[in-house]
């Protein structure tokens, strides 16, 4: 496994793990690699240096310095913090129905299923059809956890 520091065409920086360098090239070349902040598929590797990490206990005991950059799980900006909070609330208060989103939303709208908060995945044309049929849906500004880099 190899970890790359990446950036999208809009300047967002992030990191991701790949099986090897060829795996990165294959995903980036086919447009399957996307920025977790904006979804831009123009992703490039940044300058990197080998990481030499101390023992786990020493790293866990280390107090972050004031100028340290946030880690992978810490939002780097107010926008990222707001998106992380939105994601947390959606995931905590809604049921993930995955690729069954269109069928579930339509069934609830028609009264065939109990009303509840759901989120999932739909192709753009399916989402447009739901809106045309009066089903109240809205896109979320983040990828599902299983599709995030």
N, C-alpha and C. Protein backbone atom coordinates (compact mmCIF):
# COMPACT_ATOMS: atom_id res chain seq x y z
N UNK A 1 0.84 -1.18 0.00
CA UNK A 1 0.00 0.00 0.00
C UNK A 1 0.88 1.25 0.00
N UNK A 2 0.39 2.28 -0.67
CA UNK A 2 1.13 3.54 -0.74
C UNK A 2 0.14 4.68 -0.53
N UNK A 3 0.56 5.68 0.24
CA UNK A 3 -0.28 6.84 0.51
C UNK A 3 0.24 8.01 -0.31
N UNK A 4 -0.67 8.62 -1.05
CA UNK A 4 -0.30 9.78 -1.86
C UNK A 4 -0.97 11.03 -1.31
N UNK A 5 -0.23 12.13 -1.36
CA UNK A 5 -0.79 13.45 -1.11
C UNK A 5 -1.31 13.93 -2.45
N UNK A 6 -2.59 14.28 -2.50
CA UNK A 6 -3.25 14.64 -3.76
C UNK A 6 -3.85 16.03 -3.69
N UNK A 7 -4.12 16.59 -4.86
CA UNK A 7 -4.84 17.85 -4.93
C UNK A 7 -5.70 17.82 -6.18
N UNK A 8 -6.84 18.50 -6.08
CA UNK A 8 -7.75 18.55 -7.23
C UNK A 8 -7.47 19.82 -8.03
N UNK A 9 -8.14 19.95 -9.15
CA UNK A 9 -7.96 21.11 -10.01
C UNK A 9 -8.41 22.41 -9.37
N UNK A 10 -9.21 22.31 -8.29
CA UNK A 10 -9.70 23.51 -7.61
C UNK A 10 -8.87 23.85 -6.37
N UNK A 11 -7.77 23.09 -6.17
CA UNK A 11 -6.83 23.42 -5.11
C UNK A 11 -7.06 22.74 -3.77
N UNK A 12 -8.03 21.85 -3.65
CA UNK A 12 -8.26 21.15 -2.39
C UNK A 12 -7.21 20.06 -2.23
N UNK A 13 -6.61 19.98 -1.06
CA UNK A 13 -5.62 18.96 -0.78
C UNK A 13 -6.23 17.82 0.03
N UNK A 14 -5.82 16.59 -0.24
CA UNK A 14 -6.28 15.44 0.51
C UNK A 14 -5.30 14.30 0.30
N UNK A 15 -5.47 13.22 1.03
CA UNK A 15 -4.60 12.06 0.90
C UNK A 15 -5.45 10.83 0.64
N UNK A 16 -4.85 9.82 0.03
CA UNK A 16 -5.54 8.56 -0.21
C UNK A 16 -4.53 7.44 -0.34
N UNK A 17 -4.97 6.23 -0.03
CA UNK A 17 -4.13 5.04 -0.12
C UNK A 17 -4.42 4.31 -1.41
N UNK A 18 -3.37 3.72 -2.00
CA UNK A 18 -3.50 2.94 -3.23
C UNK A 18 -2.68 1.66 -3.09
N UNK A 19 -3.08 0.64 -3.82
CA UNK A 19 -2.36 -0.63 -3.77
C UNK A 19 -0.93 -0.46 -4.27
N UNK A 20 -0.77 0.34 -5.34
CA UNK A 20 0.55 0.63 -5.89
C UNK A 20 0.43 1.84 -6.81
N UNK A 21 1.54 2.26 -7.40
CA UNK A 21 1.52 3.45 -8.27
C UNK A 21 0.65 3.22 -9.50
N UNK A 22 0.64 2.00 -10.03
CA UNK A 22 -0.20 1.71 -11.21
C UNK A 22 -1.67 1.83 -10.88
N UNK A 23 -2.06 1.47 -9.65
CA UNK A 23 -3.46 1.58 -9.25
C UNK A 23 -3.90 3.04 -9.27
N UNK A 24 -3.02 3.94 -8.76
CA UNK A 24 -3.34 5.37 -8.82
C UNK A 24 -3.52 5.82 -10.26
N UNK A 25 -2.57 5.48 -11.11
CA UNK A 25 -2.62 5.90 -12.52
C UNK A 25 -3.88 5.39 -13.21
N UNK A 26 -4.26 4.15 -12.93
CA UNK A 26 -5.45 3.56 -13.55
C UNK A 26 -6.72 4.29 -13.11
N UNK A 27 -6.85 4.56 -11.81
CA UNK A 27 -8.04 5.25 -11.30
C UNK A 27 -8.09 6.70 -11.80
N UNK A 28 -6.97 7.39 -11.73
CA UNK A 28 -6.93 8.79 -12.17
C UNK A 28 -7.19 8.89 -13.68
N UNK A 29 -6.60 7.98 -14.45
CA UNK A 29 -6.76 8.00 -15.90
C UNK A 29 -8.18 7.71 -16.35
N UNK A 30 -8.92 6.92 -15.56
CA UNK A 30 -10.30 6.57 -15.95
C UNK A 30 -11.33 7.50 -15.33
N UNK A 31 -10.88 8.53 -14.58
CA UNK A 31 -11.81 9.50 -13.99
C UNK A 31 -12.56 8.97 -12.78
N UNK A 32 -12.07 7.89 -12.17
CA UNK A 32 -12.74 7.30 -11.02
C UNK A 32 -12.21 7.83 -9.70
N UNK A 33 -11.28 8.74 -9.75
CA UNK A 33 -10.71 9.33 -8.56
C UNK A 33 -11.26 10.74 -8.44
N UNK A 34 -11.89 11.08 -7.30
CA UNK A 34 -12.55 12.38 -7.15
C UNK A 34 -12.15 13.04 -5.84
N UNK A 35 -12.15 14.36 -5.84
CA UNK A 35 -11.88 15.14 -4.64
C UNK A 35 -13.02 14.94 -3.65
N UNK A 36 -12.73 14.63 -2.37
CA UNK A 36 -13.80 14.43 -1.40
C UNK A 36 -14.50 15.72 -1.00
N UNK A 37 -13.92 16.87 -1.33
CA UNK A 37 -14.53 18.15 -0.98
C UNK A 37 -15.50 18.61 -2.06
N UNK A 38 -15.06 18.60 -3.32
CA UNK A 38 -15.88 19.18 -4.39
C UNK A 38 -16.26 18.18 -5.48
N UNK A 39 -15.67 16.98 -5.48
CA UNK A 39 -16.01 15.98 -6.49
C UNK A 39 -15.26 16.12 -7.80
N UNK A 40 -14.34 17.08 -7.89
CA UNK A 40 -13.57 17.29 -9.12
C UNK A 40 -12.73 16.04 -9.41
N UNK A 41 -12.76 15.58 -10.66
CA UNK A 41 -12.00 14.38 -11.03
C UNK A 41 -10.63 14.69 -11.61
N UNK A 42 -10.24 15.97 -11.66
CA UNK A 42 -8.89 16.34 -12.08
C UNK A 42 -8.00 16.28 -10.84
N UNK A 43 -7.40 15.13 -10.61
CA UNK A 43 -6.62 14.89 -9.39
C UNK A 43 -5.17 14.61 -9.77
N UNK A 44 -4.24 15.27 -9.05
CA UNK A 44 -2.82 15.08 -9.30
C UNK A 44 -2.10 14.77 -8.00
N UNK A 45 -0.98 14.04 -8.12
CA UNK A 45 -0.15 13.76 -6.95
C UNK A 45 0.65 15.01 -6.60
N UNK A 46 0.84 15.22 -5.30
CA UNK A 46 1.66 16.32 -4.83
C UNK A 46 3.06 15.84 -4.52
N UNK A 47 3.94 16.75 -4.11
CA UNK A 47 5.29 16.38 -3.70
C UNK A 47 5.20 15.56 -2.42
N UNK A 48 6.00 14.52 -2.35
CA UNK A 48 5.93 13.65 -1.19
C UNK A 48 7.33 13.30 -0.71
N UNK A 49 7.40 12.99 0.57
CA UNK A 49 8.63 12.49 1.17
C UNK A 49 8.26 11.23 1.94
N UNK A 50 9.16 10.28 2.04
CA UNK A 50 8.82 9.07 2.79
C UNK A 50 8.49 9.42 4.23
N UNK A 51 7.49 8.76 4.77
CA UNK A 51 7.07 9.02 6.15
C UNK A 51 7.72 7.99 7.07
N UNK A 52 8.45 8.49 8.04
CA UNK A 52 9.03 7.62 9.05
C UNK A 52 8.30 7.96 10.34
N UNK A 53 7.51 7.01 10.83
CA UNK A 53 6.69 7.29 12.00
C UNK A 53 7.30 6.67 13.25
N UNK A 54 7.15 7.35 14.39
CA UNK A 54 7.65 6.79 15.64
C UNK A 54 6.74 5.64 16.08
N UNK A 55 7.12 5.01 17.16
CA UNK A 55 6.29 3.93 17.70
C UNK A 55 4.89 4.44 17.98
N UNK A 56 3.91 3.55 17.94
CA UNK A 56 2.50 3.94 18.12
C UNK A 56 2.28 4.70 19.42
N UNK A 57 2.84 4.23 20.51
CA UNK A 57 2.61 4.88 21.81
C UNK A 57 3.19 6.29 21.82
N UNK A 58 4.36 6.47 21.23
CA UNK A 58 4.98 7.80 21.20
C UNK A 58 4.15 8.75 20.35
N UNK A 59 3.62 8.26 19.24
CA UNK A 59 2.80 9.10 18.36
C UNK A 59 1.49 9.48 19.05
N UNK A 60 0.88 8.53 19.76
CA UNK A 60 -0.38 8.80 20.44
C UNK A 60 -0.19 9.80 21.57
N UNK A 61 0.98 9.80 22.21
CA UNK A 61 1.24 10.71 23.32
C UNK A 61 1.65 12.10 22.86
N UNK A 62 2.01 12.24 21.58
CA UNK A 62 2.47 13.53 21.07
C UNK A 62 1.35 14.56 21.10
N UNK A 63 1.64 15.74 21.64
CA UNK A 63 0.68 16.84 21.65
C UNK A 63 0.86 17.64 20.37
N UNK A 64 -0.21 17.86 19.59
CA UNK A 64 -0.06 18.61 18.34
C UNK A 64 0.40 20.04 18.59
N UNK A 65 1.31 20.52 17.77
CA UNK A 65 1.78 21.90 17.85
C UNK A 65 0.75 22.83 17.22
N UNK A 66 0.83 24.10 17.53
CA UNK A 66 -0.15 25.06 17.04
C UNK A 66 -0.18 25.14 15.52
N UNK A 67 0.94 24.96 14.84
CA UNK A 67 0.98 25.08 13.39
C UNK A 67 0.75 23.78 12.64
N UNK A 68 0.47 22.67 13.36
CA UNK A 68 0.28 21.38 12.70
C UNK A 68 -0.92 21.43 11.76
N UNK A 69 -0.77 20.79 10.62
CA UNK A 69 -1.89 20.65 9.69
C UNK A 69 -2.83 19.58 10.23
N UNK A 70 -4.14 19.70 9.95
CA UNK A 70 -5.06 18.68 10.43
C UNK A 70 -4.79 17.35 9.73
N UNK A 71 -5.12 16.25 10.40
CA UNK A 71 -4.96 14.92 9.82
C UNK A 71 -6.07 14.63 8.83
N UNK A 72 -6.10 13.40 8.35
CA UNK A 72 -7.12 13.01 7.37
C UNK A 72 -8.53 13.15 7.90
N UNK A 73 -8.75 12.91 9.18
CA UNK A 73 -10.09 12.94 9.72
C UNK A 73 -10.52 14.31 10.22
N UNK A 74 -9.59 15.24 10.36
CA UNK A 74 -9.92 16.58 10.85
C UNK A 74 -10.18 17.52 9.68
N UNK A 75 -11.33 18.22 9.70
CA UNK A 75 -11.60 19.19 8.62
C UNK A 75 -10.58 20.32 8.64
N UNK A 76 -10.18 20.78 7.45
CA UNK A 76 -9.14 21.79 7.34
C UNK A 76 -9.69 23.21 7.27
N UNK A 77 -10.96 23.38 6.96
CA UNK A 77 -11.53 24.72 6.82
C UNK A 77 -12.94 24.75 7.41
N UNK A 78 -13.50 25.96 7.50
CA UNK A 78 -14.87 26.08 8.01
C UNK A 78 -15.86 25.37 7.10
N UNK A 79 -15.65 25.44 5.80
CA UNK A 79 -16.54 24.75 4.86
C UNK A 79 -16.48 23.25 5.08
N UNK A 80 -15.27 22.71 5.22
CA UNK A 80 -15.13 21.28 5.46
C UNK A 80 -15.75 20.89 6.80
N UNK A 81 -15.64 21.75 7.80
CA UNK A 81 -16.26 21.48 9.10
C UNK A 81 -17.78 21.44 8.96
N UNK A 82 -18.34 22.39 8.21
CA UNK A 82 -19.79 22.42 8.01
C UNK A 82 -20.26 21.19 7.25
N UNK A 83 -19.52 20.78 6.22
CA UNK A 83 -19.90 19.58 5.47
C UNK A 83 -19.79 18.33 6.34
N UNK A 84 -18.75 18.27 7.17
CA UNK A 84 -18.59 17.12 8.07
C UNK A 84 -19.74 17.06 9.07
N UNK A 85 -20.15 18.20 9.58
CA UNK A 85 -21.28 18.25 10.52
C UNK A 85 -22.58 17.85 9.82
N UNK A 86 -22.78 18.33 8.59
CA UNK A 86 -23.97 17.95 7.83
C UNK A 86 -23.99 16.44 7.60
N UNK A 87 -22.86 15.90 7.20
CA UNK A 87 -22.77 14.45 6.96
C UNK A 87 -23.09 13.68 8.24
N UNK A 88 -22.51 14.13 9.37
CA UNK A 88 -22.75 13.46 10.65
C UNK A 88 -24.24 13.46 10.99
N UNK A 89 -24.90 14.59 10.80
CA UNK A 89 -26.33 14.68 11.12
C UNK A 89 -27.18 13.83 10.19
N UNK A 90 -26.87 13.86 8.90
CA UNK A 90 -27.62 13.04 7.94
C UNK A 90 -27.47 11.57 8.29
N UNK A 91 -26.24 11.13 8.55
CA UNK A 91 -26.00 9.72 8.85
C UNK A 91 -26.62 9.31 10.18
N UNK A 92 -26.67 10.23 11.16
CA UNK A 92 -27.23 9.91 12.47
C UNK A 92 -28.75 9.88 12.46
N UNK A 93 -29.37 10.70 11.61
CA UNK A 93 -30.82 10.86 11.66
C UNK A 93 -31.56 10.28 10.47
N UNK A 94 -30.86 9.58 9.59
CA UNK A 94 -31.49 9.05 8.38
C UNK A 94 -31.04 7.61 8.17
N UNK A 95 -31.82 6.90 7.37
CA UNK A 95 -31.48 5.51 7.03
C UNK A 95 -30.85 5.50 5.65
N UNK A 96 -29.68 4.85 5.54
CA UNK A 96 -29.02 4.72 4.26
C UNK A 96 -29.66 3.56 3.51
N UNK A 97 -30.24 3.84 2.33
CA UNK A 97 -30.90 2.81 1.54
C UNK A 97 -30.13 2.48 0.27
N UNK A 98 -28.98 3.09 0.08
CA UNK A 98 -28.10 2.77 -1.04
C UNK A 98 -28.75 2.98 -2.39
N UNK A 99 -28.58 1.97 -3.26
CA UNK A 99 -29.10 2.06 -4.63
C UNK A 99 -30.62 1.90 -4.68
N UNK A 100 -31.26 1.61 -3.56
CA UNK A 100 -32.73 1.48 -3.50
C UNK A 100 -33.39 2.83 -3.23
N UNK A 101 -32.61 3.91 -3.27
CA UNK A 101 -33.15 5.22 -2.91
C UNK A 101 -34.37 5.61 -3.74
N UNK A 102 -34.30 5.45 -5.05
CA UNK A 102 -35.40 5.88 -5.92
C UNK A 102 -36.67 5.11 -5.58
N UNK A 103 -36.57 3.79 -5.46
CA UNK A 103 -37.73 2.97 -5.15
C UNK A 103 -38.31 3.32 -3.79
N UNK A 104 -37.44 3.51 -2.78
CA UNK A 104 -37.90 3.85 -1.43
C UNK A 104 -38.57 5.22 -1.40
N UNK A 105 -37.96 6.21 -2.04
CA UNK A 105 -38.54 7.56 -2.05
C UNK A 105 -39.90 7.55 -2.75
N UNK A 106 -40.00 6.86 -3.86
CA UNK A 106 -41.27 6.79 -4.60
C UNK A 106 -42.33 6.05 -3.77
N UNK A 107 -41.95 4.96 -3.11
CA UNK A 107 -42.90 4.20 -2.28
C UNK A 107 -43.42 5.04 -1.13
N UNK A 108 -42.54 5.82 -0.49
CA UNK A 108 -42.99 6.70 0.60
C UNK A 108 -43.93 7.77 0.07
N UNK A 109 -43.58 8.35 -1.08
CA UNK A 109 -44.40 9.41 -1.68
C UNK A 109 -45.80 8.89 -2.03
N UNK A 110 -45.87 7.66 -2.50
CA UNK A 110 -47.16 7.08 -2.91
C UNK A 110 -47.90 6.44 -1.74
N UNK A 111 -47.33 6.45 -0.53
CA UNK A 111 -47.98 5.89 0.64
C UNK A 111 -47.82 4.39 0.80
N UNK A 112 -46.96 3.77 0.01
CA UNK A 112 -46.75 2.32 0.08
C UNK A 112 -45.69 1.93 1.11
N UNK A 113 -44.99 2.90 1.65
CA UNK A 113 -43.97 2.64 2.67
C UNK A 113 -44.09 3.73 3.73
N UNK A 114 -43.73 3.41 4.98
CA UNK A 114 -43.83 4.43 6.04
C UNK A 114 -42.85 5.59 5.79
N UNK A 115 -43.30 6.79 6.11
CA UNK A 115 -42.45 7.98 5.93
C UNK A 115 -41.32 7.95 6.94
N UNK A 116 -40.11 8.22 6.48
CA UNK A 116 -38.93 8.29 7.32
C UNK A 116 -37.85 9.05 6.55
N UNK A 117 -36.83 9.47 7.27
CA UNK A 117 -35.71 10.15 6.62
C UNK A 117 -34.80 9.10 6.02
N UNK A 118 -34.53 9.23 4.72
CA UNK A 118 -33.63 8.30 4.04
C UNK A 118 -32.62 9.08 3.21
N UNK A 119 -31.51 8.42 2.90
CA UNK A 119 -30.57 8.95 1.92
C UNK A 119 -29.96 7.77 1.21
N UNK A 120 -29.49 8.02 0.00
CA UNK A 120 -28.93 6.93 -0.79
C UNK A 120 -28.38 7.47 -2.09
N UNK A 121 -28.43 6.63 -3.12
CA UNK A 121 -27.83 6.98 -4.39
C UNK A 121 -28.84 6.88 -5.51
N UNK A 122 -28.74 7.81 -6.46
CA UNK A 122 -29.60 7.80 -7.63
C UNK A 122 -28.83 8.43 -8.79
N UNK A 123 -29.07 7.92 -9.98
CA UNK A 123 -28.48 8.54 -11.16
C UNK A 123 -29.19 9.87 -11.40
N UNK A 124 -28.52 10.84 -12.03
CA UNK A 124 -29.13 12.15 -12.24
C UNK A 124 -30.49 12.09 -12.94
N UNK A 125 -30.62 11.23 -13.95
CA UNK A 125 -31.90 11.16 -14.66
C UNK A 125 -33.00 10.60 -13.77
N UNK A 126 -32.65 9.69 -12.84
CA UNK A 126 -33.64 9.15 -11.90
C UNK A 126 -34.09 10.23 -10.92
N UNK A 127 -33.13 11.03 -10.44
CA UNK A 127 -33.45 12.11 -9.51
C UNK A 127 -34.34 13.16 -10.19
N UNK A 128 -34.05 13.49 -11.45
CA UNK A 128 -34.89 14.44 -12.19
C UNK A 128 -36.32 13.92 -12.31
N UNK A 129 -36.46 12.62 -12.60
CA UNK A 129 -37.79 12.01 -12.74
C UNK A 129 -38.55 12.08 -11.42
N UNK A 130 -37.87 11.84 -10.31
CA UNK A 130 -38.53 11.96 -9.00
C UNK A 130 -39.05 13.39 -8.79
N UNK A 131 -38.22 14.38 -9.10
CA UNK A 131 -38.63 15.78 -8.95
C UNK A 131 -39.80 16.12 -9.85
N UNK A 132 -39.77 15.63 -11.10
CA UNK A 132 -40.87 15.87 -12.04
C UNK A 132 -42.18 15.26 -11.54
N UNK A 133 -42.06 14.15 -10.80
CA UNK A 133 -43.24 13.48 -10.26
C UNK A 133 -43.68 14.04 -8.91
N UNK A 134 -43.00 15.08 -8.44
CA UNK A 134 -43.39 15.74 -7.20
C UNK A 134 -42.82 15.11 -5.94
N UNK A 135 -41.87 14.21 -6.08
CA UNK A 135 -41.24 13.58 -4.92
C UNK A 135 -40.17 14.54 -4.39
N UNK A 136 -40.28 14.98 -3.12
CA UNK A 136 -39.30 15.94 -2.59
C UNK A 136 -37.96 15.29 -2.28
N UNK A 137 -36.97 15.52 -3.13
CA UNK A 137 -35.61 15.01 -2.95
C UNK A 137 -34.63 16.14 -3.19
N UNK A 138 -33.43 15.99 -2.64
CA UNK A 138 -32.38 16.99 -2.85
C UNK A 138 -31.02 16.28 -2.84
N UNK A 139 -30.08 16.77 -3.64
CA UNK A 139 -28.74 16.16 -3.64
C UNK A 139 -27.98 16.53 -2.37
N UNK A 140 -27.12 15.64 -1.94
CA UNK A 140 -26.25 15.92 -0.79
C UNK A 140 -24.87 16.31 -1.31
N UNK A 141 -24.19 17.23 -0.62
CA UNK A 141 -22.88 17.71 -1.10
C UNK A 141 -21.70 16.83 -0.70
N UNK A 142 -21.94 15.53 -0.57
CA UNK A 142 -20.84 14.61 -0.26
C UNK A 142 -21.17 13.25 -0.85
N UNK A 143 -20.11 12.47 -1.07
CA UNK A 143 -20.27 11.11 -1.59
C UNK A 143 -20.62 10.16 -0.46
N UNK A 144 -21.33 9.08 -0.76
CA UNK A 144 -21.56 8.07 0.26
C UNK A 144 -20.24 7.53 0.78
N UNK A 145 -20.21 7.08 2.01
CA UNK A 145 -18.96 6.60 2.62
C UNK A 145 -18.28 5.53 1.79
N UNK A 146 -19.05 4.66 1.15
CA UNK A 146 -18.44 3.57 0.40
C UNK A 146 -17.77 4.07 -0.88
N UNK A 147 -18.11 5.29 -1.35
CA UNK A 147 -17.51 5.80 -2.58
C UNK A 147 -16.46 6.88 -2.31
N UNK A 148 -16.30 7.26 -1.06
CA UNK A 148 -15.31 8.28 -0.76
C UNK A 148 -13.91 7.71 -0.93
N UNK A 149 -12.94 8.57 -1.30
CA UNK A 149 -11.55 8.12 -1.52
C UNK A 149 -10.93 7.65 -0.24
